[in-house]
Amino acid sequence: MKTTFNHILFLLLVVILLVACNQKPKYSNANKYAGLQDSIQTWIVNAELIGAEILIVENEELVIHEAYGWSDLESGDKLKKGSIWTVMSMTKPFTATAILMLIEDGVIKLDDPITDFFKNFNGDKRITIQHLLAQSSGDDGSYGNGGHNVLNFNSLDGWIEDWANQQSEGKFGEFAYSNFNYGALAYIVEQVSKMPVEAFIQERIIKPMNLKNTHVRFAPDSSWAGLVSSRSQWNEPTNAYEKSWSNDEPQSWKFFTGALGLWMSAEDYATFMQMWMNEGQINGVQFLEKSTVEEGLKIQSNAYGEKLFGHGYGWFIDEEPLIFRYGGSAGGVGIGYPEKETIVIYLTHCSGGKHKNKFQDELDRIWFPNDN
């Protein structure tokens, strides 16, 4: 009897061992990012960062998803995975996607002049939709602090029509970053779709992409408000972060601008980026044609005097190898590296400081060890 029992036990252990050996270990490629994770912890200890959530996907498989630090430093609330973040300018690729969809629908064209949509446009009449997408309209940010005057307006129409009455001192056809370019694109979406730009993005992108934790407006009584962290701003004179906003307050802008406005999770942003990585397709749905994505991920205007860096349609682009990315003033960034089939999402509530640049430098050391 004892022999039979031992024999059965031995066979059971063999089966367990075989199953374990054939299972793919969870987060099997995470080790190469261990130094990056250690660095984030160090920044938090050194008060260079309050908290951050990172998500890394390789070949559409999760490699890392972790949260570090605090959601709110004063209360001592720990940051949790699955938080919802104001992604600020990381909204722009969604607006670009909306415009590209309308181009594929045949209702507008890349070379449509801005004067088709603004009757009293006082800027350069040569500006087209393509120039707005590529941030090469010539708007140099001299008016309205590049669009940061958005807080002074109650509607997208009021904000953008006020800008359209101005004349930029920038140079047409050259890269210059301005929120107004993407505000104008949002305005065009509304004009041609006959619906608010946020409703268009909801119906054509958020819902069919099944982005369950993506929202176009925050309110303190939102059911998901508790998943949103307080925000802090780096104060250079004091060399420290100071709280600038709490989730018991309304958002500071009064309307969805197209240049900023989305609130979303790291998982949802990774899904959106995966659509671009997959030549316009995700979950069996073709959101953009392959040719559209290819053009969007090319440099359409070189930036900051760099030959291999610039702006595409909704994304900043590095060439050789291709990397597409966008960051936001809240401190986050999304990075896609098609050659490695890798997406990195870094979201935080710490505006300013050096942590975001340090994060991207750490990634470069991992991805391009021979260049460092």
Protein backbone atom coordinates (compact mmCIF):
# COMPACT_ATOMS: atom_id res chain seq x y z
CA MET A 1 0.00 0.00 0.00
CA LYS A 2 2.83 2.34 0.96
CA THR A 3 4.63 1.51 -2.29
CA THR A 4 1.50 2.31 -4.30
CA PHE A 5 1.04 5.62 -2.48
CA ASN A 6 4.69 6.61 -3.09
CA HIS A 7 4.35 5.65 -6.74
CA ILE A 8 1.24 7.82 -7.13
CA LEU A 9 2.93 10.69 -5.32
CA PHE A 10 5.98 10.38 -7.58
CA LEU A 11 3.79 10.43 -10.72
CA LEU A 12 1.91 13.48 -9.40
CA LEU A 13 5.15 15.36 -8.79
CA VAL A 14 6.35 14.50 -12.30
CA VAL A 15 3.12 15.83 -13.79
CA ILE A 16 3.38 19.05 -11.74
CA LEU A 17 7.00 19.48 -12.83
CA LEU A 18 6.17 18.92 -16.50
CA VAL A 19 3.31 21.42 -16.36
CA ALA A 20 5.51 23.99 -14.62
CA CYS A 21 8.29 23.55 -17.18
CA ASN A 22 5.88 24.02 -20.06
CA GLN A 23 4.25 27.15 -18.64
CA LYS A 24 5.61 30.45 -19.86
CA PRO A 25 6.81 32.39 -16.82
CA LYS A 26 4.86 35.56 -16.11
CA TYR A 27 6.75 38.74 -17.01
CA SER A 28 9.58 36.65 -18.47
CA ASN A 29 11.32 39.65 -20.05
CA ALA A 30 11.09 41.91 -17.02
CA ASN A 31 14.67 41.42 -15.81
CA LYS A 32 16.18 43.80 -18.36
CA TYR A 33 14.07 46.60 -16.87
CA ALA A 34 15.13 45.94 -13.27
CA GLY A 35 17.56 48.88 -13.30
CA LEU A 36 14.84 51.16 -14.62
CA GLN A 37 12.52 50.12 -11.79
CA ASP A 38 15.30 50.67 -9.24
CA SER A 39 15.85 54.15 -10.65
CA ILE A 40 12.18 55.06 -10.23
CA GLN A 41 12.34 53.97 -6.60
CA THR A 42 15.49 56.06 -6.13
CA TRP A 43 13.83 59.16 -7.60
CA ILE A 44 10.98 58.72 -5.14
CA VAL A 45 13.35 58.31 -2.18
CA ASN A 46 15.22 61.43 -3.31
CA ALA A 47 11.95 63.40 -3.70
CA GLU A 48 12.55 63.82 -7.45
CA LEU A 49 9.23 62.06 -8.02
CA ILE A 50 6.14 61.41 -5.91
CA GLY A 51 4.67 58.45 -7.73
CA ALA A 52 4.44 56.80 -11.14
CA GLU A 53 2.80 53.89 -12.92
CA ILE A 54 4.65 52.07 -15.68
CA LEU A 55 3.39 49.51 -18.14
CA ILE A 56 5.59 47.74 -20.70
CA VAL A 57 4.27 45.49 -23.45
CA GLU A 58 6.40 43.40 -25.81
CA ASN A 59 4.86 41.48 -28.71
CA GLU A 60 1.43 42.33 -27.23
CA GLU A 61 2.32 40.54 -23.99
CA LEU A 62 2.59 42.29 -20.63
CA VAL A 63 6.16 42.51 -19.36
CA ILE A 64 5.85 44.99 -16.49
CA HIS A 65 2.93 46.73 -14.84
CA GLU A 66 3.80 48.38 -11.54
CA ALA A 67 2.93 51.43 -9.46
CA TYR A 68 5.48 53.20 -7.29
CA GLY A 69 5.29 55.83 -4.58
CA TRP A 70 2.28 57.80 -3.50
CA SER A 71 -0.99 58.92 -5.00
CA ASP A 72 -1.00 61.78 -2.52
CA LEU A 73 2.10 62.59 -0.54
CA GLU A 74 0.38 64.57 2.23
CA SER A 75 -2.13 61.84 3.06
CA GLY A 76 0.36 59.02 2.51
CA ASP A 77 -1.99 57.22 0.11
CA LYS A 78 -0.06 54.65 -1.91
CA LEU A 79 -0.31 54.75 -5.68
CA LYS A 80 -2.14 51.77 -7.14
CA LYS A 81 -2.09 50.09 -10.52
CA GLY A 82 -5.09 50.98 -12.62
CA SER A 83 -5.08 54.66 -11.69
CA ILE A 84 -6.65 57.15 -14.07
CA TRP A 85 -4.44 59.99 -15.23
CA THR A 86 -4.86 63.30 -16.92
CA VAL A 87 -2.62 62.65 -19.92
CA MET A 88 -2.69 66.29 -21.09
CA SER A 89 -0.94 66.61 -24.50
CA MET A 90 -0.97 62.84 -24.93
CA THR A 91 -4.53 63.59 -26.08
CA LYS A 92 -3.17 64.99 -29.37
CA PRO A 93 -2.65 61.57 -31.05
CA PHE A 94 -6.37 60.87 -30.48
CA THR A 95 -7.30 64.12 -32.23
CA ALA A 96 -4.92 63.26 -35.07
CA THR A 97 -6.53 59.83 -35.36
CA ALA A 98 -9.98 61.45 -35.55
CA ILE A 99 -8.83 63.74 -38.39
CA LEU A 100 -7.19 60.85 -40.26
CA MET A 101 -10.42 58.86 -39.96
CA LEU A 102 -12.35 61.73 -41.53
CA ILE A 103 -9.79 61.90 -44.34
CA GLU A 104 -10.29 58.18 -44.95
CA ASP A 105 -14.05 58.80 -44.87
CA GLY A 106 -13.50 61.18 -47.79
CA VAL A 107 -15.04 64.25 -46.16
CA ILE A 108 -11.79 66.21 -45.85
CA LYS A 109 -8.30 66.07 -47.39
CA LEU A 110 -4.81 66.65 -46.06
CA ASP A 111 -4.33 69.60 -48.41
CA ASP A 112 -7.59 71.35 -47.50
CA PRO A 113 -6.71 74.96 -46.59
CA ILE A 114 -7.58 76.23 -43.13
CA THR A 115 -9.67 78.95 -44.76
CA ASP A 116 -12.22 76.27 -45.72
CA PHE A 117 -13.13 76.04 -42.06
CA PHE A 118 -12.46 79.56 -40.74
CA LYS A 119 -14.28 82.31 -42.62
CA ASN A 120 -12.28 85.13 -41.04
CA PHE A 121 -8.86 83.54 -40.67
CA ASN A 122 -6.19 86.24 -40.33
CA GLY A 123 -3.15 83.99 -40.32
CA ASP A 124 -1.19 82.53 -43.23
CA LYS A 125 -3.72 81.42 -45.85
CA ARG A 126 -1.38 78.64 -47.03
CA ILE A 127 -1.94 76.59 -43.86
CA THR A 128 -3.58 73.22 -44.53
CA ILE A 129 -4.77 70.34 -42.36
CA GLN A 130 -1.42 68.69 -43.04
CA HIS A 131 0.44 71.66 -41.52
CA LEU A 132 -1.72 71.54 -38.40
CA LEU A 133 -1.06 67.81 -37.96
CA ALA A 134 2.68 68.25 -38.45
CA GLN A 135 2.90 71.29 -36.14
CA SER A 136 4.29 73.30 -39.06
CA SER A 137 1.58 75.95 -39.47
CA GLY A 138 3.95 78.68 -38.40
CA ASP A 139 2.13 79.30 -35.13
CA ASP A 140 5.04 80.02 -32.83
CA GLY A 141 3.17 80.20 -29.56
CA SER A 142 3.59 83.96 -29.24
CA TYR A 143 -0.16 84.45 -28.95
CA GLY A 144 -2.00 83.03 -25.97
CA ASN A 145 1.14 81.37 -24.65
CA GLY A 146 0.90 78.72 -27.33
CA GLY A 147 -2.67 77.92 -26.37
CA HIS A 148 -2.27 77.84 -22.61
CA ASN A 149 -4.74 80.72 -22.46
CA VAL A 150 -7.40 78.01 -22.82
CA LEU A 151 -8.44 78.65 -19.21
CA ASN A 152 -9.81 82.03 -20.26
CA PHE A 153 -12.48 80.55 -22.58
CA ASN A 154 -15.72 78.66 -22.11
CA SER A 155 -15.88 76.77 -25.42
CA LEU A 156 -13.72 75.33 -28.17
CA ASP A 157 -15.34 77.69 -30.68
CA GLY A 158 -14.51 80.74 -28.61
CA TRP A 159 -10.91 79.67 -27.97
CA ILE A 160 -10.03 78.72 -31.55
CA GLU A 161 -11.97 81.50 -33.29
CA ASP A 162 -10.14 84.01 -31.10
CA TRP A 163 -6.83 82.46 -32.25
CA ALA A 164 -7.96 82.48 -35.89
CA ASN A 165 -8.31 86.26 -35.69
CA GLN A 166 -4.62 86.66 -34.83
CA GLN A 167 -1.50 86.69 -37.00
CA SER A 168 1.42 84.50 -35.98
CA GLU A 169 4.99 85.75 -36.18
CA GLY A 170 6.31 82.24 -36.79
CA LYS A 171 7.68 80.86 -40.05
CA PHE A 172 5.19 78.92 -42.18
CA GLY A 173 6.21 75.34 -42.95
CA GLU A 174 8.68 75.01 -40.07
CA PHE A 175 8.08 73.05 -36.89
CA ALA A 176 6.82 75.01 -33.91
CA TYR A 177 4.89 73.36 -31.11
CA SER A 178 1.52 74.93 -30.35
CA ASN A 179 -1.67 73.67 -28.73
CA PHE A 180 -3.60 75.86 -31.15
CA ASN A 181 -2.73 73.56 -34.08
CA TYR A 182 -4.54 70.67 -32.43
CA GLY A 183 -7.31 72.88 -31.12
CA ALA A 184 -7.91 73.91 -34.76
CA LEU A 185 -7.98 70.23 -35.77
CA ALA A 186 -10.57 69.53 -33.05
CA TYR A 187 -12.60 72.48 -34.37
CA ILE A 188 -12.44 71.00 -37.90
CA VAL A 189 -13.62 67.60 -36.58
CA GLU A 190 -16.66 69.35 -35.15
CA GLN A 191 -17.35 71.31 -38.32
CA VAL A 192 -17.32 68.30 -40.65
CA SER A 193 -18.77 65.62 -38.35
CA LYS A 194 -21.52 67.88 -36.97
CA MET A 195 -20.85 66.61 -33.46
CA PRO A 196 -18.63 67.66 -30.52
CA VAL A 197 -15.07 66.43 -31.00
CA GLU A 198 -15.19 64.52 -27.71
CA ALA A 199 -18.36 62.73 -28.88
CA PHE A 200 -16.66 61.80 -32.16
CA ILE A 201 -13.66 60.39 -30.28
CA GLN A 202 -16.01 58.48 -27.97
CA GLU A 203 -17.99 56.95 -30.84
CA ARG A 204 -15.18 56.25 -33.30
CA ILE A 205 -12.23 55.44 -31.03
CA ILE A 206 -12.94 54.94 -27.31
CA LYS A 207 -16.01 52.67 -27.56
CA PRO A 208 -14.99 50.42 -30.48
CA MET A 209 -11.48 50.11 -29.05
CA ASN A 210 -13.07 49.05 -25.73
CA LEU A 211 -11.17 51.63 -23.70
CA LYS A 212 -13.12 51.13 -20.49
CA ASN A 213 -11.15 53.58 -18.35
CA THR A 214 -10.89 56.54 -20.73
CA HIS A 215 -12.92 59.69 -20.13
CA VAL A 216 -13.27 63.08 -21.80
CA ARG A 217 -14.08 65.12 -18.71
CA PHE A 218 -13.38 64.95 -14.98
CA ALA A 219 -15.68 66.02 -12.17
CA PRO A 220 -15.18 65.43 -8.43
CA ASP A 221 -18.41 63.41 -8.33
CA SER A 222 -17.34 61.12 -11.19
CA SER A 223 -17.62 57.46 -10.23
CA TRP A 224 -13.93 57.06 -11.07
CA ALA A 225 -12.69 60.23 -9.29
CA GLY A 226 -11.14 58.18 -6.50
CA LEU A 227 -8.77 56.56 -9.02
CA VAL A 228 -7.27 59.95 -9.91
CA SER A 229 -4.21 61.17 -8.03
CA SER A 230 -3.59 64.71 -6.86
CA ARG A 231 -1.18 66.69 -9.07
CA SER A 232 2.03 68.45 -8.09
CA GLN A 233 4.23 71.03 -9.78
CA TRP A 234 8.01 71.25 -9.46
CA ASN A 235 9.07 74.48 -7.75
CA GLU A 236 12.57 75.39 -8.87
CA PRO A 237 13.34 77.90 -6.07
CA THR A 238 12.39 75.44 -3.32
CA ASN A 239 13.69 72.40 -5.26
CA ALA A 240 10.58 70.44 -4.37
CA TYR A 241 7.12 69.44 -5.58
CA GLU A 242 4.11 71.38 -4.39
CA LYS A 243 0.52 70.18 -4.71
CA SER A 244 -1.26 72.07 -7.51
CA TRP A 245 -4.57 70.18 -7.78
CA SER A 246 -6.61 67.63 -5.87
CA ASN A 247 -9.32 65.26 -7.09
CA ASP A 248 -11.94 67.00 -4.97
CA GLU A 249 -11.63 69.97 -7.35
CA PRO A 250 -13.06 70.28 -10.90
CA GLN A 251 -10.69 70.24 -13.87
CA SER A 252 -9.32 73.69 -14.65
CA TRP A 253 -10.29 73.79 -18.36
CA LYS A 254 -13.97 74.14 -19.22
CA PHE A 255 -14.17 72.13 -22.47
CA PHE A 256 -12.44 69.37 -24.43
CA THR A 257 -9.75 71.13 -26.45
CA GLY A 258 -8.35 68.38 -28.68
CA ALA A 259 -4.88 69.47 -27.56
CA LEU A 260 -5.51 68.11 -24.06
CA GLY A 261 -8.49 66.73 -22.19
CA LEU A 262 -8.38 62.94 -21.88
CA TRP A 263 -8.29 61.09 -18.56
CA MET A 264 -7.27 57.46 -18.91
CA SER A 265 -5.48 54.40 -17.58
CA ALA A 266 -2.07 53.11 -18.60
CA GLU A 267 -3.70 49.97 -20.03
CA ASP A 268 -5.99 51.99 -22.27
CA TYR A 269 -3.19 54.19 -23.58
CA ALA A 270 -1.15 51.09 -24.37
CA THR A 271 -4.11 49.66 -26.31
CA PHE A 272 -4.40 52.86 -28.34
CA MET A 273 -0.68 52.82 -29.11
CA GLN A 274 -0.88 49.14 -30.04
CA MET A 275 -3.36 50.07 -32.77
CA TRP A 276 -0.72 52.35 -34.29
CA MET A 277 1.93 49.66 -33.79
CA ASN A 278 -0.33 47.14 -35.58
CA GLU A 279 -0.68 49.25 -38.73
CA GLY A 280 -4.07 50.61 -37.71
CA GLN A 281 -5.66 47.41 -36.38
CA ILE A 282 -6.53 46.25 -32.88
CA ASN A 283 -8.88 43.54 -31.60
CA GLY A 284 -9.88 42.65 -35.15
CA VAL A 285 -11.00 46.20 -36.00
CA GLN A 286 -9.20 48.30 -38.64
CA PHE A 287 -9.28 51.86 -37.32
CA LEU A 288 -6.85 53.33 -39.86
CA GLU A 289 -5.51 52.03 -43.14
CA LYS A 290 -1.93 50.74 -43.16
CA SER A 291 -0.85 53.48 -45.61
CA THR A 292 -2.31 56.16 -43.33
CA VAL A 293 -0.37 54.84 -40.34
CA GLU A 294 2.84 54.66 -42.38
CA GLU A 295 2.52 58.33 -43.37
CA GLY A 296 1.57 59.33 -39.83
CA LEU A 297 4.72 57.68 -38.46
CA LYS A 298 7.02 59.54 -40.85
CA ILE A 299 8.68 62.85 -40.04
CA GLN A 300 6.53 65.53 -41.66
CA SER A 301 8.42 68.44 -40.11
CA ASN A 302 11.90 68.26 -38.64
CA ALA A 303 12.16 69.63 -35.11
CA TYR A 304 14.84 71.48 -33.19
CA GLY A 305 17.35 71.29 -36.02
CA GLU A 306 17.52 67.49 -35.93
CA LYS A 307 17.58 65.49 -39.19
CA LEU A 308 16.23 62.28 -37.69
CA PHE A 309 13.72 63.76 -35.25
CA GLY A 310 10.50 65.60 -35.85
CA HIS A 311 6.73 65.54 -35.86
CA GLY A 312 4.46 63.20 -37.80
CA TYR A 313 0.67 63.12 -37.69
CA GLY A 314 -0.05 63.13 -33.98
CA TRP A 315 3.33 61.78 -32.85
CA PHE A 316 6.89 62.89 -32.31
CA ILE A 317 9.06 60.65 -34.47
CA ASP A 318 12.61 59.35 -34.18
CA GLU A 319 13.99 57.68 -37.29
CA GLU A 320 16.68 54.99 -37.62
CA PRO A 321 15.23 53.14 -35.79
CA LEU A 322 11.63 54.28 -35.82
CA ILE A 323 10.28 55.30 -32.42
CA PHE A 324 7.04 57.22 -31.95
CA ARG A 325 6.09 58.97 -28.73
CA TYR A 326 4.12 61.71 -27.05
CA GLY A 327 4.41 63.25 -23.62
CA GLY A 328 2.22 65.49 -21.52
CA SER A 329 2.78 68.36 -19.14
CA ALA A 330 1.45 66.25 -16.25
CA GLY A 331 4.71 64.27 -16.48
CA GLY A 332 3.77 61.20 -18.50
CA VAL A 333 4.91 59.77 -21.83
CA GLY A 334 3.94 56.92 -24.15
CA ILE A 335 6.67 55.39 -26.34
CA GLY A 336 6.33 52.90 -29.19
CA TYR A 337 9.31 51.04 -30.67
CA PRO A 338 8.02 49.02 -33.67
CA GLU A 339 11.30 47.24 -34.39
CA LYS A 340 11.20 45.71 -30.91
CA GLU A 341 7.38 45.51 -30.91
CA THR A 342 7.53 47.30 -27.57
CA ILE A 343 5.27 49.89 -25.97
CA VAL A 344 6.20 51.74 -22.79
CA ILE A 345 3.70 53.82 -20.82
CA TYR A 346 4.97 56.04 -18.02
CA LEU A 347 2.29 58.04 -16.23
CA THR A 348 2.71 60.31 -13.25
CA HIS A 349 1.20 63.36 -11.56
CA CYS A 350 4.45 65.31 -11.23
CA SER A 351 4.75 68.23 -13.63
CA GLY A 352 8.23 69.60 -14.22
CA GLY A 353 11.41 68.29 -12.69
CA LYS A 354 13.81 65.94 -14.48
CA HIS A 355 12.24 62.52 -13.94
CA LYS A 356 10.63 62.15 -17.40
CA ASN A 357 13.87 62.89 -19.25
CA LYS A 358 15.72 60.56 -16.90
CA PHE A 359 13.17 57.84 -17.57
CA GLN A 360 13.65 58.13 -21.33
CA ASP A 361 17.45 58.19 -20.89
CA GLU A 362 17.22 54.95 -18.89
CA LEU A 363 15.21 53.35 -21.70
CA ASP A 364 17.82 54.44 -24.23
CA ARG A 365 20.52 52.72 -22.16
CA ILE A 366 18.49 49.51 -22.19
CA TRP A 367 17.53 49.63 -25.86
CA PHE A 368 20.79 51.05 -27.25
CA PRO A 369 23.57 49.89 -24.90
CA ASN A 370 26.26 50.41 -27.53
CA ASP A 371 25.37 54.10 -27.84
CA ASN A 372 25.91 54.82 -24.14
